[in-house]
Amino acid sequence: MGEVVQVERNGGVATIRMNRPERMNAYNPEMGTAMLSAVSEASVDPSIRCIVLTGAGRAFSAGGDVEFMATSGEEAHGRFLDLAMRLHALIASLRKAPKPVIAAVNGVAAGAGFSMALACDIAVATASARFTLGYQNIGLSPDGGMTFFLARTLGTQRAMEMTLFSKVLSAEQAAAWGLVQQVIPDADFAAQTAALAERLAGGPTRAYARAKELYNRALSQPLETQLEEERQSIARSATTRDFREGVGAFLEKRPARFEGR
């Protein structure tokens, strides 16, 4: 069957592909361990300046593997604690990665798959992609940071609407609601996603990382604290080679050649 997660490197871009197409890339412990390892390795590799998360076949990820989850009682309690622990470590690693992470949603994103897309810095989707929670269909509450991300993006009432009714969003509606930043025709999806990743990989990586750190804390602390962290961050950014290159390029009226340093 091959590896459940595949990693492809092209220049400064690492593409991490969930690879259980026969199960619509359903999430199980093996996939969770492999994905966490792949994201962690790409995060610390200085030659990788952009990460793309996507799925093999016709799905991004249909969420948790229901066949694996089919148990009850105390066994279910322990199994779900372990499964969610692995997923949550992955979600945290996506948010902490010091470089841009793109969710390339090539098909259905449900449950944990939807959470993974929300945890990325930006999401692009094929026109045929669909988004849904799906937890209530099998009697579960959300995990994977779903309540964190949806409440902040949609507000609690619209998030609850999606949760209570397992509402299915088209790619266009997900974009209208701010859950996806770009919808791309299916035929153009691979090429346009690659171009976007290459553009980000050619950017000022450390500045991106500092911006990401600031946004991660922006809704959980007072304005005065955020202002001071912005002050310290921009001062540190001004010591980088990329800043010197950016200023030089601006003054010389030429494109900047950032190195991520």
Protein backbone atom coordinates (compact mmCIF):
# COMPACT_ATOMS: atom_id res chain seq x y z
CA MET A 1 0.00 0.00 0.00
CA GLY A 2 2.99 2.29 0.48
CA GLU A 3 3.60 5.11 2.92
CA VAL A 4 0.55 6.73 4.49
CA VAL A 5 2.26 10.13 4.19
CA GLN A 6 4.49 11.18 1.30
CA VAL A 7 6.92 14.10 1.37
CA GLU A 8 8.14 15.74 -1.83
CA ARG A 9 10.74 18.49 -1.92
CA ASN A 10 11.04 20.96 -4.76
CA GLY A 11 13.45 23.80 -4.09
CA GLY A 12 12.31 25.54 -0.92
CA VAL A 13 8.88 23.86 -0.90
CA ALA A 14 8.01 20.67 0.99
CA THR A 15 4.71 19.05 -0.02
CA ILE A 16 3.29 16.73 2.63
CA ARG A 17 0.64 14.48 1.09
CA MET A 18 -1.77 12.30 3.04
CA ASN A 19 -1.71 9.02 1.16
CA ARG A 20 -4.63 6.75 1.97
CA PRO A 21 -6.68 7.48 -1.15
CA GLU A 22 -8.63 4.22 -0.85
CA ARG A 23 -9.93 5.53 2.52
CA MET A 24 -10.25 9.17 1.36
CA ASN A 25 -7.16 9.90 3.48
CA ALA A 26 -8.99 9.09 6.69
CA TYR A 27 -6.93 9.93 9.76
CA ASN A 28 -5.62 7.11 11.98
CA PRO A 29 -2.72 6.80 14.47
CA GLU A 30 -0.23 5.72 11.81
CA MET A 31 -1.04 8.75 9.68
CA GLY A 32 -0.95 11.03 12.72
CA THR A 33 2.53 9.90 13.71
CA ALA A 34 3.84 10.18 10.15
CA MET A 35 2.33 13.62 9.58
CA LEU A 36 3.68 15.02 12.84
CA SER A 37 7.13 13.74 11.93
CA ALA A 38 6.94 15.23 8.42
CA VAL A 39 5.75 18.65 9.62
CA SER A 40 8.33 18.74 12.42
CA GLU A 41 11.19 17.88 10.06
CA ALA A 42 10.12 20.46 7.47
CA SER A 43 9.72 23.09 10.20
CA VAL A 44 13.33 22.83 11.37
CA ASP A 45 14.91 22.39 7.94
CA PRO A 46 16.31 25.81 6.94
CA SER A 47 16.25 24.85 3.26
CA ILE A 48 12.44 24.48 3.41
CA ARG A 49 10.73 27.87 3.34
CA CYS A 50 7.14 26.86 2.61
CA ILE A 51 5.08 23.77 3.50
CA VAL A 52 2.12 22.51 1.46
CA LEU A 53 -0.36 20.09 3.05
CA THR A 54 -2.57 18.14 0.65
CA GLY A 55 -4.17 14.74 -0.04
CA ALA A 56 -3.78 11.99 -2.60
CA GLY A 57 -6.69 11.07 -4.84
CA ARG A 58 -10.08 12.77 -4.70
CA ALA A 59 -10.05 13.86 -1.03
CA PHE A 60 -8.04 16.14 1.19
CA SER A 61 -9.10 14.11 4.22
CA ALA A 62 -12.49 12.69 5.17
CA GLY A 63 -11.60 13.01 8.86
CA GLY A 64 -11.11 10.27 11.42
CA ASP A 65 -11.11 6.65 10.24
CA VAL A 66 -14.53 5.49 11.44
CA GLU A 67 -13.62 1.81 11.19
CA PHE A 68 -10.67 2.38 13.51
CA MET A 69 -12.84 4.41 15.89
CA ALA A 70 -15.57 1.75 16.08
CA THR A 71 -15.41 0.71 19.72
CA SER A 72 -17.24 1.54 22.96
CA GLY A 73 -16.94 1.93 26.72
CA GLU A 74 -13.57 2.28 28.42
CA GLU A 75 -11.75 1.07 25.32
CA ALA A 76 -13.30 3.92 23.32
CA HIS A 77 -12.30 6.44 26.00
CA GLY A 78 -8.64 5.46 25.85
CA ARG A 79 -8.58 5.14 22.08
CA PHE A 80 -10.02 8.61 21.54
CA LEU A 81 -7.71 10.20 24.10
CA ASP A 82 -4.74 8.81 22.18
CA LEU A 83 -6.14 9.66 18.74
CA ALA A 84 -6.93 13.25 19.72
CA MET A 85 -3.55 13.66 21.41
CA ARG A 86 -1.80 12.79 18.14
CA LEU A 87 -4.07 15.07 16.12
CA HIS A 88 -3.66 17.96 18.52
CA ALA A 89 0.12 17.66 18.45
CA LEU A 90 -0.11 17.94 14.66
CA ILE A 91 -2.41 20.98 14.83
CA ALA A 92 -0.03 22.71 17.24
CA SER A 93 2.95 21.93 15.02
CA LEU A 94 1.21 23.48 12.00
CA ARG A 95 0.52 26.67 13.98
CA LYS A 96 4.08 26.83 15.36
CA ALA A 97 5.90 26.08 12.09
CA PRO A 98 8.19 29.10 11.50
CA LYS A 99 7.33 29.31 7.81
CA PRO A 100 4.15 29.62 5.75
CA VAL A 101 1.92 26.53 5.59
CA ILE A 102 -0.58 26.18 2.74
CA ALA A 103 -3.57 23.84 2.88
CA ALA A 104 -4.09 22.69 -0.71
CA VAL A 105 -7.60 21.28 -0.35
CA ASN A 106 -7.94 19.01 -3.37
CA GLY A 107 -11.31 17.51 -2.41
CA VAL A 108 -13.53 16.87 0.60
CA ALA A 109 -12.23 18.16 3.95
CA ALA A 110 -14.32 16.75 6.79
CA GLY A 111 -13.87 16.50 10.55
CA ALA A 112 -10.17 16.30 11.41
CA GLY A 113 -9.35 17.04 7.77
CA PHE A 114 -11.27 20.31 8.00
CA SER A 115 -9.41 21.11 11.23
CA MET A 116 -6.06 20.53 9.54
CA ALA A 117 -7.00 22.94 6.75
CA LEU A 118 -8.05 25.58 9.29
CA ALA A 119 -4.76 25.20 11.18
CA CYS A 120 -2.72 26.17 8.11
CA ASP A 121 -1.83 29.79 7.43
CA ILE A 122 -3.81 29.99 4.21
CA ALA A 123 -6.07 27.56 2.37
CA VAL A 124 -6.69 27.19 -1.34
CA ALA A 125 -9.29 24.79 -2.67
CA THR A 126 -10.37 23.18 -5.89
CA ALA A 127 -13.75 24.32 -7.14
CA SER A 128 -15.11 20.84 -6.39
CA ALA A 129 -13.91 20.78 -2.76
CA ARG A 130 -16.41 20.48 0.09
CA PHE A 131 -16.08 21.31 3.80
CA THR A 132 -18.05 19.88 6.72
CA LEU A 133 -17.64 18.92 10.38
CA GLY A 134 -19.54 15.63 10.33
CA TYR A 135 -18.96 14.84 14.03
CA GLN A 136 -22.63 14.98 14.96
CA ASN A 137 -23.46 12.41 12.30
CA ILE A 138 -21.73 9.78 14.44
CA GLY A 139 -22.44 11.28 17.87
CA LEU A 140 -19.16 13.05 18.56
CA SER A 141 -18.12 16.55 19.59
CA PRO A 142 -15.46 18.38 17.54
CA ASP A 143 -11.70 18.11 18.04
CA GLY A 144 -8.55 19.23 16.25
CA GLY A 145 -9.02 22.87 17.27
CA MET A 146 -12.25 23.07 15.27
CA THR A 147 -14.10 25.08 17.93
CA PHE A 148 -11.10 27.41 18.33
CA PHE A 149 -10.74 28.19 14.64
CA LEU A 150 -14.42 28.32 13.66
CA ALA A 151 -15.44 30.53 16.59
CA ARG A 152 -12.73 33.04 15.68
CA THR A 153 -13.45 33.01 11.96
CA LEU A 154 -17.25 32.70 11.87
CA GLY A 155 -18.44 33.70 15.33
CA THR A 156 -20.05 31.22 17.72
CA GLN A 157 -23.56 31.20 16.24
CA ARG A 158 -22.51 30.39 12.68
CA ALA A 159 -19.97 27.89 14.04
CA MET A 160 -22.75 26.23 16.04
CA GLU A 161 -24.96 26.14 12.94
CA MET A 162 -22.25 24.23 11.09
CA THR A 163 -21.81 21.92 14.07
CA LEU A 164 -25.45 21.18 14.88
CA PHE A 165 -26.52 20.52 11.30
CA SER A 166 -23.23 19.18 9.88
CA LYS A 167 -23.62 21.86 7.23
CA VAL A 168 -21.70 21.17 4.02
CA LEU A 169 -20.00 24.18 2.43
CA SER A 170 -18.98 24.42 -1.19
CA ALA A 171 -15.54 25.82 -1.93
CA GLU A 172 -17.12 29.10 -3.01
CA GLN A 173 -19.14 29.42 0.19
CA ALA A 174 -16.10 28.52 2.31
CA ALA A 175 -14.26 31.36 0.54
CA ALA A 176 -17.14 33.77 1.11
CA TRP A 177 -17.05 32.93 4.83
CA GLY A 178 -13.29 33.46 5.05
CA LEU A 179 -12.35 29.80 5.55
CA VAL A 180 -10.57 29.57 2.19
CA GLN A 181 -8.55 32.34 0.59
CA GLN A 182 -8.70 31.20 -3.04
CA VAL A 183 -10.81 28.81 -5.13
CA ILE A 184 -9.02 27.41 -8.18
CA PRO A 185 -10.48 25.46 -11.12
CA ASP A 186 -9.68 21.76 -10.71
CA ALA A 187 -7.64 21.63 -13.91
CA ASP A 188 -5.41 24.50 -12.77
CA PHE A 189 -5.12 23.52 -9.12
CA ALA A 190 -1.71 21.82 -9.10
CA ALA A 191 0.03 24.50 -11.17
CA GLN A 192 -1.46 27.47 -9.32
CA THR A 193 -0.80 25.95 -5.90
CA ALA A 194 2.81 25.27 -6.87
CA ALA A 195 3.22 28.87 -8.07
CA LEU A 196 1.81 30.21 -4.79
CA ALA A 197 4.11 27.97 -2.73
CA GLU A 198 7.15 29.04 -4.77
CA ARG A 199 6.25 32.68 -4.25
CA LEU A 200 6.06 32.24 -0.48
CA ALA A 201 9.25 30.17 -0.45
CA GLY A 202 11.00 33.13 -2.08
CA GLY A 203 9.83 35.56 0.58
CA PRO A 204 11.38 36.88 3.82
CA THR A 205 10.95 33.69 5.86
CA ARG A 206 11.94 35.12 9.25
CA ALA A 207 9.58 38.05 8.84
CA TYR A 208 6.79 35.61 7.97
CA ALA A 209 7.60 33.57 11.08
CA ARG A 210 7.49 36.61 13.34
CA ALA A 211 4.18 37.75 11.84
CA LYS A 212 2.78 34.26 12.45
CA GLU A 213 3.89 34.35 16.09
CA LEU A 214 2.17 37.69 16.54
CA TYR A 215 -1.10 36.56 14.97
CA ASN A 216 -1.09 33.39 17.06
CA ARG A 217 -1.22 35.54 20.20
CA ALA A 218 -3.24 38.48 18.91
CA LEU A 219 -6.65 37.42 20.24
CA SER A 220 -5.50 36.22 23.65
CA GLN A 221 -3.72 39.25 25.13
CA PRO A 222 -4.30 42.99 25.71
CA LEU A 223 -3.51 45.59 23.06
CA GLU A 224 -0.63 47.04 25.09
CA THR A 225 1.06 43.64 25.31
CA GLN A 226 0.57 43.05 21.59
CA LEU A 227 2.00 46.48 20.76
CA GLU A 228 5.13 45.77 22.78
CA GLU A 229 5.59 42.38 21.13
CA GLU A 230 5.20 44.04 17.72
CA ARG A 231 7.84 46.60 18.71
CA GLN A 232 10.32 43.93 19.73
CA SER A 233 9.57 41.79 16.68
CA ILE A 234 10.04 44.53 14.09
CA ALA A 235 13.29 45.58 15.76
CA ARG A 236 14.60 42.01 15.50
CA SER A 237 13.43 41.80 11.89
CA ALA A 238 15.44 44.92 11.09
CA THR A 239 18.67 43.03 11.92
CA THR A 240 18.17 40.40 9.19
CA ARG A 241 19.85 40.09 5.81
CA ASP A 242 16.41 39.97 4.21
CA PHE A 243 15.60 43.42 5.59
CA ARG A 244 18.81 44.85 4.16
CA GLU A 245 18.05 43.20 0.82
CA GLY A 246 14.45 44.44 0.84
CA VAL A 247 15.48 48.02 1.51
CA GLY A 248 18.24 47.84 -1.09
CA ALA A 249 15.88 46.44 -3.70
CA PHE A 250 13.31 49.14 -2.95
CA LEU A 251 15.85 51.93 -3.32
CA GLU A 252 17.32 50.39 -6.46
CA LYS A 253 13.86 49.76 -7.92
CA ARG A 254 14.42 46.04 -8.51
CA PRO A 255 12.78 42.83 -7.24
CA ALA A 256 14.12 41.70 -3.86
CA ARG A 257 16.02 38.42 -3.67
CA PHE A 258 15.23 37.14 -0.20
CA GLU A 259 17.21 34.26 1.29
CA GLY A 260 15.23 33.60 4.44
CA ARG A 261 18.05 34.94 6.62
